[in-house]
Amino acid sequence: MKFIGYIIYCDFIVVIEKYTKNTRFCLICNYVSKITMALQSRCTRFRFAPLSTEKISSMLMRVSSAEKYVFIMNL
């Protein structure tokens, strides 16, 4: 980890510890192994299954309709 990255990481840990009583943070990553153990120990891990193409398409259509956006699906 580069020095600047390390400073930012340490500051992030301080923020998490300082506001833990009234704030929740959500970190999303592809590889949990890339998150340091110090940060992992302060987090709760949730695992989600991938969404099906049908569910994604359905949600896109619903949102685009609500936003009055013309969405043309090309499958």
PDB file of N, CA and C in Angstrom:
ATOM      1  N   MET A   1       0.856  -1.179   0.000  1.00  0.00           N
ATOM      2  CA  MET A   1       0.000   0.000   0.000  1.00  0.00           C
ATOM      3  C   MET A   1       0.899   1.238   0.000  1.00  0.00           C
ATOM      4  N   LYS A   2       0.607   2.162  -0.906  1.00  0.00           N
ATOM      5  CA  LYS A   2       1.396   3.384  -0.982  1.00  0.00           C
ATOM      6  C   LYS A   2       1.096   4.256   0.222  1.00  0.00           C
ATOM      7  N   PHE A   3       2.021   5.162   0.526  1.00  0.00           N
ATOM      8  CA  PHE A   3       1.922   5.990   1.724  1.00  0.00           C
ATOM      9  C   PHE A   3       0.629   6.794   1.768  1.00  0.00           C
ATOM     10  N   ILE A   4       0.266   7.468   0.673  1.00  0.00           N
ATOM     11  CA  ILE A   4      -0.965   8.269   0.650  1.00  0.00           C
ATOM     12  C   ILE A   4      -2.180   7.377   0.880  1.00  0.00           C
ATOM     13  N   GLY A   5      -2.201   6.209   0.210  1.00  0.00           N
ATOM     14  CA  GLY A   5      -3.290   5.270   0.399  1.00  0.00           C
ATOM     15  C   GLY A   5      -3.392   4.812   1.846  1.00  0.00           C
ATOM     16  N   TYR A   6      -2.255   4.608   2.481  1.00  0.00           N
ATOM     17  CA  TYR A   6      -2.232   4.172   3.874  1.00  0.00           C
ATOM     18  C   TYR A   6      -2.814   5.256   4.790  1.00  0.00           C
ATOM     19  N   ILE A   7      -2.477   6.507   4.527  1.00  0.00           N
ATOM     20  CA  ILE A   7      -3.000   7.618   5.333  1.00  0.00           C
ATOM     21  C   ILE A   7      -4.523   7.701   5.180  1.00  0.00           C
ATOM     22  N   ILE A   8      -5.003   7.593   3.953  1.00  0.00           N
ATOM     23  CA  ILE A   8      -6.447   7.635   3.705  1.00  0.00           C
ATOM     24  C   ILE A   8      -7.135   6.455   4.393  1.00  0.00           C
ATOM     25  N   TYR A   9      -6.536   5.279   4.301  1.00  0.00           N
ATOM     26  CA  TYR A   9      -7.080   4.083   4.953  1.00  0.00           C
ATOM     27  C   TYR A   9      -7.179   4.301   6.464  1.00  0.00           C
ATOM     28  N   CYS A  10      -6.124   4.813   7.080  1.00  0.00           N
ATOM     29  CA  CYS A  10      -6.132   5.063   8.535  1.00  0.00           C
ATOM     30  C   CYS A  10      -7.202   6.082   8.905  1.00  0.00           C
ATOM     31  N   ASP A  11      -7.340   7.122   8.095  1.00  0.00           N
ATOM     32  CA  ASP A  11      -8.375   8.126   8.357  1.00  0.00           C
ATOM     33  C   ASP A  11      -9.771   7.511   8.246  1.00  0.00           C
ATOM     34  N   PHE A  12      -9.950   6.610   7.287  1.00  0.00           N
ATOM     35  CA  PHE A  12     -11.241   5.941   7.126  1.00  0.00           C
ATOM     36  C   PHE A  12     -11.581   5.098   8.351  1.00  0.00           C
ATOM     37  N   ILE A  13     -10.597   4.393   8.879  1.00  0.00           N
ATOM     38  CA  ILE A  13     -10.809   3.594  10.096  1.00  0.00           C
ATOM     39  C   ILE A  13     -11.224   4.505  11.249  1.00  0.00           C
ATOM     40  N   VAL A  14     -10.583   5.661  11.377  1.00  0.00           N
ATOM     41  CA  VAL A  14     -10.921   6.613  12.439  1.00  0.00           C
ATOM     42  C   VAL A  14     -12.366   7.093  12.278  1.00  0.00           C
ATOM     43  N   VAL A  15     -12.768   7.411  11.048  1.00  0.00           N
ATOM     44  CA  VAL A  15     -14.138   7.864  10.797  1.00  0.00           C
ATOM     45  C   VAL A  15     -15.136   6.768  11.164  1.00  0.00           C
ATOM     46  N   ILE A  16     -14.852   5.536  10.761  1.00  0.00           N
ATOM     47  CA  ILE A  16     -15.743   4.425  11.093  1.00  0.00           C
ATOM     48  C   ILE A  16     -15.879   4.284  12.607  1.00  0.00           C
ATOM     49  N   GLU A  17     -14.777   4.338  13.329  1.00  0.00           N
ATOM     50  CA  GLU A  17     -14.830   4.184  14.783  1.00  0.00           C
ATOM     51  C   GLU A  17     -15.517   5.363  15.452  1.00  0.00           C
ATOM     52  N   LYS A  18     -15.322   6.564  14.930  1.00  0.00           N
ATOM     53  CA  LYS A  18     -15.884   7.769  15.543  1.00  0.00           C
ATOM     54  C   LYS A  18     -17.406   7.815  15.402  1.00  0.00           C
ATOM     55  N   TYR A  19     -17.922   7.389  14.245  1.00  0.00           N
ATOM     56  CA  TYR A  19     -19.354   7.526  13.976  1.00  0.00           C
ATOM     57  C   TYR A  19     -20.111   6.206  14.014  1.00  0.00           C
ATOM     58  N   THR A  20     -19.555   5.209  14.639  1.00  0.00           N
ATOM     59  CA  THR A  20     -20.163   3.883  14.640  1.00  0.00           C
ATOM     60  C   THR A  20     -21.521   3.823  15.353  1.00  0.00           C
ATOM     61  N   LYS A  21     -21.802   4.740  16.263  1.00  0.00           N
ATOM     62  CA  LYS A  21     -23.070   4.696  17.001  1.00  0.00           C
ATOM     63  C   LYS A  21     -24.250   5.218  16.196  1.00  0.00           C
ATOM     64  N   ASN A  22     -23.999   6.107  15.236  1.00  0.00           N
ATOM     65  CA  ASN A  22     -25.121   6.699  14.513  1.00  0.00           C
ATOM     66  C   ASN A  22     -25.016   6.608  12.993  1.00  0.00           C
ATOM     67  N   THR A  23     -24.030   5.876  12.484  1.00  0.00           N
ATOM     68  CA  THR A  23     -23.841   5.779  11.040  1.00  0.00           C
ATOM     69  C   THR A  23     -23.497   4.350  10.659  1.00  0.00           C
ATOM     70  N   ARG A  24     -23.975   3.934   9.494  1.00  0.00           N
ATOM     71  CA  ARG A  24     -23.613   2.629   8.946  1.00  0.00           C
ATOM     72  C   ARG A  24     -22.932   2.856   7.607  1.00  0.00           C
ATOM     73  N   PHE A  25     -21.873   2.154   7.386  1.00  0.00           N
ATOM     74  CA  PHE A  25     -21.130   2.247   6.142  1.00  0.00           C
ATOM     75  C   PHE A  25     -21.338   0.963   5.349  1.00  0.00           C
ATOM     76  N   CYS A  26     -21.418   1.096   4.054  1.00  0.00           N
ATOM     77  CA  CYS A  26     -21.589  -0.062   3.191  1.00  0.00           C
ATOM     78  C   CYS A  26     -20.416  -0.098   2.208  1.00  0.00           C
ATOM     79  N   LEU A  27     -19.617  -1.129   2.298  1.00  0.00           N
ATOM     80  CA  LEU A  27     -18.505  -1.323   1.377  1.00  0.00           C
ATOM     81  C   LEU A  27     -18.876  -2.455   0.441  1.00  0.00           C
ATOM     82  N   ILE A  28     -18.719  -2.238  -0.825  1.00  0.00           N
ATOM     83  CA  ILE A  28     -19.034  -3.265  -1.811  1.00  0.00           C
ATOM     84  C   ILE A  28     -17.748  -3.607  -2.546  1.00  0.00           C
ATOM     85  N   CYS A  29     -17.451  -4.892  -2.595  1.00  0.00           N
ATOM     86  CA  CYS A  29     -16.224  -5.298  -3.271  1.00  0.00           C
ATOM     87  C   CYS A  29     -16.406  -6.660  -3.926  1.00  0.00           C
ATOM     88  N   ASN A  30     -15.530  -6.955  -4.850  1.00  0.00           N
ATOM     89  CA  ASN A  30     -15.543  -8.256  -5.511  1.00  0.00           C
ATOM     90  C   ASN A  30     -14.682  -9.267  -4.769  1.00  0.00           C
ATOM     91  N   TYR A  31     -13.646  -8.796  -4.109  1.00  0.00           N
ATOM     92  CA  TYR A  31     -12.698  -9.690  -3.448  1.00  0.00           C
ATOM     93  C   TYR A  31     -12.491  -9.245  -2.001  1.00  0.00           C
ATOM     94  N   VAL A  32     -13.076  -9.976  -1.074  1.00  0.00           N
ATOM     95  CA  VAL A  32     -12.944  -9.637   0.346  1.00  0.00           C
ATOM     96  C   VAL A  32     -11.483  -9.719   0.780  1.00  0.00           C
ATOM     97  N   SER A  33     -10.723 -10.568   0.138  1.00  0.00           N
ATOM     98  CA  SER A  33      -9.312 -10.728   0.497  1.00  0.00           C
ATOM     99  C   SER A  33      -8.511  -9.452   0.260  1.00  0.00           C
ATOM    100  N   LYS A  34      -9.036  -8.528  -0.547  1.00  0.00           N
ATOM    101  CA  LYS A  34      -8.348  -7.261  -0.810  1.00  0.00           C
ATOM    102  C   LYS A  34      -8.583  -6.238   0.303  1.00  0.00           C
ATOM    103  N   ILE A  35      -9.540  -6.524   1.187  1.00  0.00           N
ATOM    104  CA  ILE A  35      -9.830  -5.652   2.321  1.00  0.00           C
ATOM    105  C   ILE A  35      -8.970  -6.109   3.494  1.00  0.00           C
ATOM    106  N   THR A  36      -8.299  -5.178   4.144  1.00  0.00           N
ATOM    107  CA  THR A  36      -7.410  -5.552   5.249  1.00  0.00           C
ATOM    108  C   THR A  36      -8.204  -6.156   6.401  1.00  0.00           C
ATOM    109  N   MET A  37      -7.550  -6.978   7.184  1.00  0.00           N
ATOM    110  CA  MET A  37      -8.203  -7.622   8.329  1.00  0.00           C
ATOM    111  C   MET A  37      -8.689  -6.587   9.347  1.00  0.00           C
ATOM    112  N   ALA A  38      -7.965  -5.496   9.501  1.00  0.00           N
ATOM    113  CA  ALA A  38      -8.384  -4.449  10.442  1.00  0.00           C
ATOM    114  C   ALA A  38      -9.738  -3.870  10.043  1.00  0.00           C
ATOM    115  N   LEU A  39      -9.945  -3.682   8.763  1.00  0.00           N
ATOM    116  CA  LEU A  39     -11.223  -3.165   8.289  1.00  0.00           C
ATOM    117  C   LEU A  39     -12.290  -4.254   8.295  1.00  0.00           C
ATOM    118  N   GLN A  40     -11.933  -5.478   7.913  1.00  0.00           N
ATOM    119  CA  GLN A  40     -12.883  -6.593   7.927  1.00  0.00           C
ATOM    120  C   GLN A  40     -13.440  -6.835   9.320  1.00  0.00           C
ATOM    121  N   SER A  41     -12.601  -6.657  10.331  1.00  0.00           N
ATOM    122  CA  SER A  41     -13.042  -6.927  11.707  1.00  0.00           C
ATOM    123  C   SER A  41     -14.107  -5.936  12.173  1.00  0.00           C
ATOM    124  N   ARG A  42     -14.224  -4.813  11.503  1.00  0.00           N
ATOM    125  CA  ARG A  42     -15.215  -3.807  11.862  1.00  0.00           C
ATOM    126  C   ARG A  42     -16.483  -3.915  11.016  1.00  0.00           C
ATOM    127  N   CYS A  43     -16.550  -4.923  10.173  1.00  0.00           N
ATOM    128  CA  CYS A  43     -17.659  -5.047   9.222  1.00  0.00           C
ATOM    129  C   CYS A  43     -18.426  -6.349   9.417  1.00  0.00           C
ATOM    130  N   THR A  44     -19.655  -6.334   8.969  1.00  0.00           N
ATOM    131  CA  THR A  44     -20.470  -7.538   8.872  1.00  0.00           C
ATOM    132  C   THR A  44     -20.516  -7.918   7.409  1.00  0.00           C
ATOM    133  N   ARG A  45     -20.286  -9.165   7.120  1.00  0.00           N
ATOM    134  CA  ARG A  45     -20.229  -9.618   5.731  1.00  0.00           C
ATOM    135  C   ARG A  45     -21.577 -10.171   5.289  1.00  0.00           C
ATOM    136  N   PHE A  46     -22.043  -9.685   4.155  1.00  0.00           N
ATOM    137  CA  PHE A  46     -23.250 -10.190   3.523  1.00  0.00           C
ATOM    138  C   PHE A  46     -22.865 -10.696   2.139  1.00  0.00           C
ATOM    139  N   ARG A  47     -23.406 -11.833   1.770  1.00  0.00           N
ATOM    140  CA  ARG A  47     -23.151 -12.376   0.432  1.00  0.00           C
ATOM    141  C   ARG A  47     -24.473 -12.431  -0.319  1.00  0.00           C
ATOM    142  N   PHE A  48     -24.439 -12.002  -1.569  1.00  0.00           N
ATOM    143  CA  PHE A  48     -25.638 -11.974  -2.387  1.00  0.00           C
ATOM    144  C   PHE A  48     -25.411 -12.794  -3.645  1.00  0.00           C
ATOM    145  N   ALA A  49     -26.425 -13.520  -4.032  1.00  0.00           N
ATOM    146  CA  ALA A  49     -26.366 -14.272  -5.286  1.00  0.00           C
ATOM    147  C   ALA A  49     -26.559 -13.301  -6.446  1.00  0.00           C
ATOM    148  N   PRO A  50     -25.977 -13.602  -7.592  1.00  0.00           N
ATOM    149  CA  PRO A  50     -26.167 -12.733  -8.757  1.00  0.00           C
ATOM    150  C   PRO A  50     -27.639 -12.695  -9.172  1.00  0.00           C
ATOM    151  N   LEU A  51     -28.065 -11.555  -9.692  1.00  0.00           N
ATOM    152  CA  LEU A  51     -29.435 -11.412 -10.170  1.00  0.00           C
ATOM    153  C   LEU A  51     -29.556 -12.020 -11.559  1.00  0.00           C
ATOM    154  N   SER A  52     -30.716 -12.557 -11.838  1.00  0.00           N
ATOM    155  CA  SER A  52     -30.959 -13.125 -13.173  1.00  0.00           C
ATOM    156  C   SER A  52     -31.144 -11.986 -14.174  1.00  0.00           C
ATOM    157  N   THR A  53     -30.905 -12.298 -15.425  1.00  0.00           N
ATOM    158  CA  THR A  53     -31.088 -11.312 -16.495  1.00  0.00           C
ATOM    159  C   THR A  53     -32.531 -10.823 -16.538  1.00  0.00           C
ATOM    160  N   GLU A  54     -33.471 -11.712 -16.283  1.00  0.00           N
ATOM    161  CA  GLU A  54     -34.890 -11.345 -16.300  1.00  0.00           C
ATOM    162  C   GLU A  54     -35.202 -10.312 -15.210  1.00  0.00           C
ATOM    163  N   LYS A  55     -34.666 -10.519 -14.026  1.00  0.00           N
ATOM    164  CA  LYS A  55     -34.923  -9.581 -12.925  1.00  0.00           C
ATOM    165  C   LYS A  55     -34.302  -8.217 -13.211  1.00  0.00           C
ATOM    166  N   ILE A  56     -33.103  -8.225 -13.769  1.00  0.00           N
ATOM    167  CA  ILE A  56     -32.430  -6.967 -14.100  1.00  0.00           C
ATOM    168  C   ILE A  56     -33.231  -6.227 -15.172  1.00  0.00           C
ATOM    169  N   SER A  57     -33.651  -6.942 -16.207  1.00  0.00           N
ATOM    170  CA  SER A  57     -34.436  -6.338 -17.288  1.00  0.00           C
ATOM    171  C   SER A  57     -35.739  -5.765 -16.763  1.00  0.00           C
ATOM    172  N   SER A  58     -36.416  -6.519 -15.917  1.00  0.00           N
ATOM    173  CA  SER A  58     -37.682  -6.076 -15.344  1.00  0.00           C
ATOM    174  C   SER A  58     -37.500  -4.780 -14.549  1.00  0.00           C
ATOM    175  N   MET A  59     -36.467  -4.715 -13.744  1.00  0.00           N
ATOM    176  CA  MET A  59     -36.218  -3.515 -12.935  1.00  0.00           C
ATOM    177  C   MET A  59     -35.847  -2.325 -13.816  1.00  0.00           C
ATOM    178  N   LEU A  60     -35.032  -2.558 -14.842  1.00  0.00           N
ATOM    179  CA  LEU A  60     -34.682  -1.471 -15.763  1.00  0.00           C
ATOM    180  C   LEU A  60     -35.917  -0.913 -16.459  1.00  0.00           C
ATOM    181  N   MET A  61     -36.795  -1.786 -16.876  1.00  0.00           N
ATOM    182  CA  MET A  61     -38.022  -1.343 -17.539  1.00  0.00           C
ATOM    183  C   MET A  61     -38.914  -0.553 -16.582  1.00  0.00           C
ATOM    184  N   ARG A  62     -39.017  -1.016 -15.341  1.00  0.00           N
ATOM    185  CA  ARG A  62     -39.852  -0.327 -14.358  1.00  0.00           C
ATOM    186  C   ARG A  62     -39.304   1.064 -14.034  1.00  0.00           C
ATOM    187  N   VAL A  63     -37.990   1.149 -13.845  1.00  0.00           N
ATOM    188  CA  VAL A  63     -37.368   2.442 -13.534  1.00  0.00           C
ATOM    189  C   VAL A  63     -37.473   3.383 -14.723  1.00  0.00           C
ATOM    190  N   SER A  64     -37.187   2.866 -15.922  1.00  0.00           N
ATOM    191  CA  SER A  64     -37.254   3.729 -17.104  1.00  0.00           C
ATOM    192  C   SER A  64     -38.681   4.231 -17.336  1.00  0.00           C
ATOM    193  N   SER A  65     -39.669   3.395 -17.060  1.00  0.00           N
ATOM    194  CA  SER A  65     -41.062   3.814 -17.191  1.00  0.00           C
ATOM    195  C   SER A  65     -41.404   4.901 -16.170  1.00  0.00           C
ATOM    196  N   ALA A  66     -40.987   4.710 -14.936  1.00  0.00           N
ATOM    197  CA  ALA A  66     -41.252   5.688 -13.883  1.00  0.00           C
ATOM    198  C   ALA A  66     -40.563   7.022 -14.159  1.00  0.00           C
ATOM    199  N   GLU A  67     -39.405   6.971 -14.798  1.00  0.00           N
ATOM    200  CA  GLU A  67     -38.656   8.187 -15.112  1.00  0.00           C
ATOM    201  C   GLU A  67     -39.022   8.755 -16.491  1.00  0.00           C
ATOM    202  N   LYS A  68     -39.982   8.108 -17.135  1.00  0.00           N
ATOM    203  CA  LYS A  68     -40.399   8.502 -18.486  1.00  0.00           C
ATOM    204  C   LYS A  68     -39.219   8.535 -19.456  1.00  0.00           C
ATOM    205  N   TYR A  69     -38.426   7.491 -19.373  1.00  0.00           N
ATOM    206  CA  TYR A  69     -37.266   7.322 -20.244  1.00  0.00           C
ATOM    207  C   TYR A  69     -37.555   6.175 -21.196  1.00  0.00           C
ATOM    208  N   VAL A  70     -37.323   6.420 -22.464  1.00  0.00           N
ATOM    209  CA  VAL A  70     -37.570   5.386 -23.462  1.00  0.00           C
ATOM    210  C   VAL A  70     -36.367   4.449 -23.473  1.00  0.00           C
ATOM    211  N   PHE A  71     -36.617   3.235 -23.072  1.00  0.00           N
ATOM    212  CA  PHE A  71     -35.560   2.225 -22.972  1.00  0.00           C
ATOM    213  C   PHE A  71     -35.848   1.134 -23.980  1.00  0.00           C
ATOM    214  N   ILE A  72     -34.967   0.976 -24.938  1.00  0.00           N
ATOM    215  CA  ILE A  72     -35.145  -0.068 -25.954  1.00  0.00           C
ATOM    216  C   ILE A  72     -34.188  -1.191 -25.637  1.00  0.00           C
ATOM    217  N   MET A  73     -34.747  -2.361 -25.355  1.00  0.00           N
ATOM    218  CA  MET A  73     -33.925  -3.500 -24.966  1.00  0.00           C
ATOM    219  C   MET A  73     -33.500  -4.273 -26.194  1.00  0.00           C
ATOM    220  N   ASN A  74     -32.218  -4.485 -26.320  1.00  0.00           N
ATOM    221  CA  ASN A  74     -31.632  -5.224 -27.433  1.00  0.00           C
ATOM    222  C   ASN A  74     -30.981  -6.483 -26.911  1.00  0.00           C
ATOM    223  N   LEU A  75     -31.658  -7.580 -26.963  1.00  0.00           N
ATOM    224  CA  LEU A  75     -31.057  -8.829 -26.477  1.00  0.00           C
ATOM    225  C   LEU A  75     -30.617  -9.703 -27.591  1.00  0.00           C
TER     226      LEU A  75
END
